[in-house]
Protein backbone atom coordinates (compact mmCIF):
# COMPACT_ATOMS: atom_id res chain seq x y z
CA MET A 1 0.00 0.00 0.00
CA SER A 2 1.42 3.39 -0.89
CA ASN A 3 1.47 6.36 1.43
CA PHE A 4 -1.15 8.24 -0.58
CA LEU A 5 -1.70 10.77 2.23
CA THR A 6 1.94 11.77 2.42
CA ASN A 7 2.66 11.75 -1.32
CA ASP A 8 1.28 15.31 -1.54
CA PHE A 9 3.94 16.66 0.81
CA GLU A 10 7.63 17.24 0.20
CA PRO A 11 9.87 15.23 2.48
CA TYR A 12 11.94 17.32 4.89
CA SER A 13 15.11 16.28 6.64
CA ALA A 14 15.64 16.45 10.39
CA ALA A 15 18.04 19.36 9.85
CA ALA A 16 15.35 21.33 7.97
CA TRP A 17 12.85 20.74 10.79
CA LYS A 18 15.39 21.81 13.40
CA GLN A 19 16.23 24.95 11.38
CA LYS A 20 12.54 25.89 11.18
CA ILE A 21 12.12 25.34 14.93
CA GLN A 22 15.15 27.55 15.69
CA VAL A 23 13.68 30.35 13.56
CA ASP A 24 10.37 30.05 15.42
CA LEU A 25 12.19 30.13 18.78
CA LYS A 26 13.48 33.66 17.93
CA GLY A 27 16.92 33.30 19.48
CA VAL A 28 16.05 30.98 22.39
CA ASP A 29 18.50 28.08 22.63
CA TYR A 30 16.94 24.95 21.09
CA ASN A 31 18.73 22.55 23.49
CA GLU A 32 17.69 24.46 26.64
CA ALA A 33 14.13 25.15 25.57
CA LEU A 34 13.05 21.90 23.95
CA LEU A 35 15.29 19.05 25.07
CA THR A 36 14.27 17.42 28.35
CA GLN A 37 16.36 15.01 30.41
CA THR A 38 14.62 12.31 32.44
CA ASN A 39 15.97 11.08 35.77
CA GLU A 40 17.22 8.02 33.92
CA GLY A 41 19.40 10.15 31.62
CA ILE A 42 17.17 9.81 28.56
CA THR A 43 16.88 12.91 26.37
CA ILE A 44 13.36 13.61 25.17
CA LYS A 45 13.35 15.50 21.88
CA PRO A 46 10.53 17.68 20.49
CA PHE A 47 10.42 15.55 17.33
CA TYR A 48 11.88 12.36 15.96
CA HIS A 49 12.88 11.78 12.37
CA LEU A 50 14.02 8.80 10.35
CA ASP A 51 17.30 10.65 9.52
CA GLU A 52 18.34 10.39 13.16
CA PHE A 53 17.11 6.87 13.71
CA GLU A 54 19.57 4.83 15.73
CA LYS A 55 18.98 1.11 15.98
CA LEU A 56 19.52 -0.14 19.51
CA ASN A 57 21.20 -3.45 19.99
CA ILE A 58 19.20 -5.06 22.77
CA PRO A 59 20.86 -8.28 23.88
CA ALA A 60 18.57 -11.28 23.95
CA THR A 61 18.64 -13.57 26.93
CA ASN A 62 19.74 -17.15 26.58
CA ASP A 63 16.67 -18.29 28.50
CA ASP A 64 13.94 -19.70 26.34
CA PHE A 65 10.38 -18.60 26.79
CA LYS A 66 8.43 -21.25 28.71
CA ILE A 67 4.88 -22.33 27.94
CA CYS A 68 3.49 -23.50 31.26
CA ASP A 69 0.17 -24.81 32.50
CA ASN A 70 -1.08 -25.53 36.02
CA ILE A 71 -2.24 -28.98 37.06
CA TYR A 72 -3.96 -29.63 40.38
CA ILE A 73 -3.09 -33.13 41.52
CA THR A 74 -6.28 -34.73 42.79
CA SER A 75 -5.68 -38.04 41.04
CA GLU A 76 -2.38 -39.28 39.63
CA LYS A 77 -4.16 -40.77 36.62
CA GLU A 78 -5.98 -37.53 35.73
CA ALA A 79 -2.91 -35.36 36.39
CA LYS A 80 -0.77 -37.62 34.17
CA LYS A 81 -3.38 -37.52 31.40
CA ARG A 82 -3.58 -33.71 31.61
CA ALA A 83 0.23 -33.41 31.62
CA GLU A 84 0.51 -35.54 28.48
CA GLU A 85 -2.18 -33.43 26.78
CA ILE A 86 -0.48 -30.12 27.46
CA ILE A 87 2.95 -31.48 26.49
CA ASN A 88 1.46 -32.66 23.18
CA LYS A 89 0.03 -29.16 22.67
CA GLY A 90 3.50 -27.60 23.06
CA ALA A 91 3.94 -26.87 26.76
CA ASN A 92 7.54 -27.08 27.96
CA ALA A 93 6.84 -26.43 31.65
CA ILE A 94 4.24 -27.77 34.08
CA LYS A 95 3.31 -26.38 37.47
CA PHE A 96 1.83 -29.02 39.74
CA ILE A 97 -0.24 -27.74 42.65
CA VAL A 98 0.00 -30.39 45.35
CA LYS A 99 -2.34 -30.61 48.34
CA ASN A 100 -1.37 -34.14 49.47
CA GLU A 101 1.26 -36.76 48.89
CA PHE A 102 0.75 -38.73 45.68
CA ASN A 103 2.16 -41.78 43.95
CA ILE A 104 5.28 -40.32 42.31
CA ASP A 105 6.02 -43.29 40.04
CA GLU A 106 2.46 -43.43 38.71
CA LEU A 107 2.34 -39.70 37.89
CA PHE A 108 5.74 -39.48 36.21
CA LYS A 109 5.64 -42.71 34.22
CA ASN A 110 6.41 -41.61 30.60
CA LEU A 111 6.76 -37.92 31.58
CA LEU A 112 10.49 -37.94 32.28
CA GLU A 113 13.32 -37.11 29.88
CA LYS A 114 11.10 -34.96 27.65
CA ASN A 115 12.94 -31.67 28.35
CA ILE A 116 10.02 -30.43 30.46
CA GLU A 117 10.53 -28.04 33.36
CA PHE A 118 8.58 -29.11 36.47
CA HIS A 119 7.40 -26.67 39.15
CA PHE A 120 5.74 -27.75 42.38
CA GLN A 121 3.62 -25.61 44.66
CA PHE A 122 3.14 -27.56 47.88
CA GLU A 123 0.23 -26.92 50.21
CA PHE A 124 1.74 -29.25 52.81
CA ILE A 125 5.26 -30.01 53.99
CA SER A 126 6.92 -33.39 54.17
CA GLU A 127 10.68 -33.84 54.07
CA LYS A 128 10.35 -37.55 53.24
CA PHE A 129 7.93 -37.01 50.34
CA ILE A 130 9.75 -34.01 48.81
CA SER A 131 13.08 -35.84 49.09
CA ALA A 132 11.58 -38.90 47.35
CA LEU A 133 10.17 -36.65 44.63
CA ALA A 134 13.57 -34.97 44.22
CA SER A 135 15.23 -38.37 43.95
CA THR A 136 12.84 -39.45 41.17
CA LEU A 137 13.29 -36.16 39.31
CA LYS A 138 17.06 -35.81 39.87
CA ASN A 139 17.79 -35.68 36.10
CA GLU A 140 15.00 -33.16 35.36
CA THR A 141 14.75 -29.38 35.75
CA VAL A 142 12.62 -28.95 38.86
CA PHE A 143 11.64 -26.06 41.14
CA TYR A 144 10.05 -26.61 44.54
CA ASN A 145 7.85 -24.00 46.21
CA VAL A 146 7.61 -24.77 49.91
CA ASP A 147 6.23 -21.61 51.50
CA ILE A 148 5.80 -22.04 55.24
CA ILE A 149 5.40 -18.30 55.88
CA GLY A 150 2.85 -18.01 53.05
CA ASN A 151 0.90 -20.88 54.61
CA LEU A 152 0.99 -19.14 58.00
CA ALA A 153 -0.26 -15.90 56.43
CA LYS A 154 -3.01 -17.67 54.47
CA THR A 155 -4.28 -20.09 57.13
CA GLY A 156 -3.05 -18.61 60.39
CA ASN A 157 -1.28 -21.88 61.21
CA TRP A 158 2.03 -23.58 60.71
CA TYR A 159 1.97 -26.86 58.84
CA SER A 160 2.94 -28.58 62.08
CA SER A 161 4.89 -26.13 64.28
CA PHE A 162 7.29 -23.20 63.93
CA ASN A 163 10.39 -25.23 64.79
CA ASN A 164 9.42 -28.33 62.83
CA ASP A 165 8.51 -26.39 59.67
CA PHE A 166 11.78 -24.43 59.71
CA ASP A 167 13.80 -27.59 60.42
CA ILE A 168 12.26 -29.32 57.40
CA VAL A 169 12.97 -26.33 55.15
CA LYS A 170 16.59 -26.17 56.41
CA LYS A 171 17.07 -29.87 55.65
CA LEU A 172 15.54 -29.51 52.18
CA ILE A 173 17.73 -26.50 51.42
CA SER A 174 20.83 -28.40 52.56
CA THR A 175 20.05 -31.01 49.88
CA LYS A 176 20.37 -28.20 47.30
CA LEU A 177 16.83 -28.35 45.97
CA LYS A 178 15.92 -25.41 43.71
CA PHE A 179 13.35 -23.24 45.47
């Protein structure tokens, strides 16, 4: 599509625009009157022109974009079926929301070694269960969200007790789980 609206006008350079502005300013300094500096050190100009276009080289991160879906584990069979569906649709990350212990082997049968990132949001705390889960998923990319303070804020209670909850978290952290 042509620029039929702008074909009727002569193109002007940035220098011509600046010259016209300086004439209209009647001796006032262009830089002092019209250029504004932000707190971040960015200069805001009164106009922008293609002549002065400067392409910025914005470095891209090495991290890939993740397509993630949440799965509430109420049944290992249903959670596994849902996980397989979303993986087949292109998901490369799954967030499991876990209210109770589940059969780890049953859920992860045929889900491992597929370059899927697993996230867990636990609504309970169990050193034995989380350690067993970590052992099963040792060759996968996994993140564990064990939020004892969040649980206290949400429910008004510790999972078991202040000391016990913190002891479990300390032990889990010492095993170098990714939180």
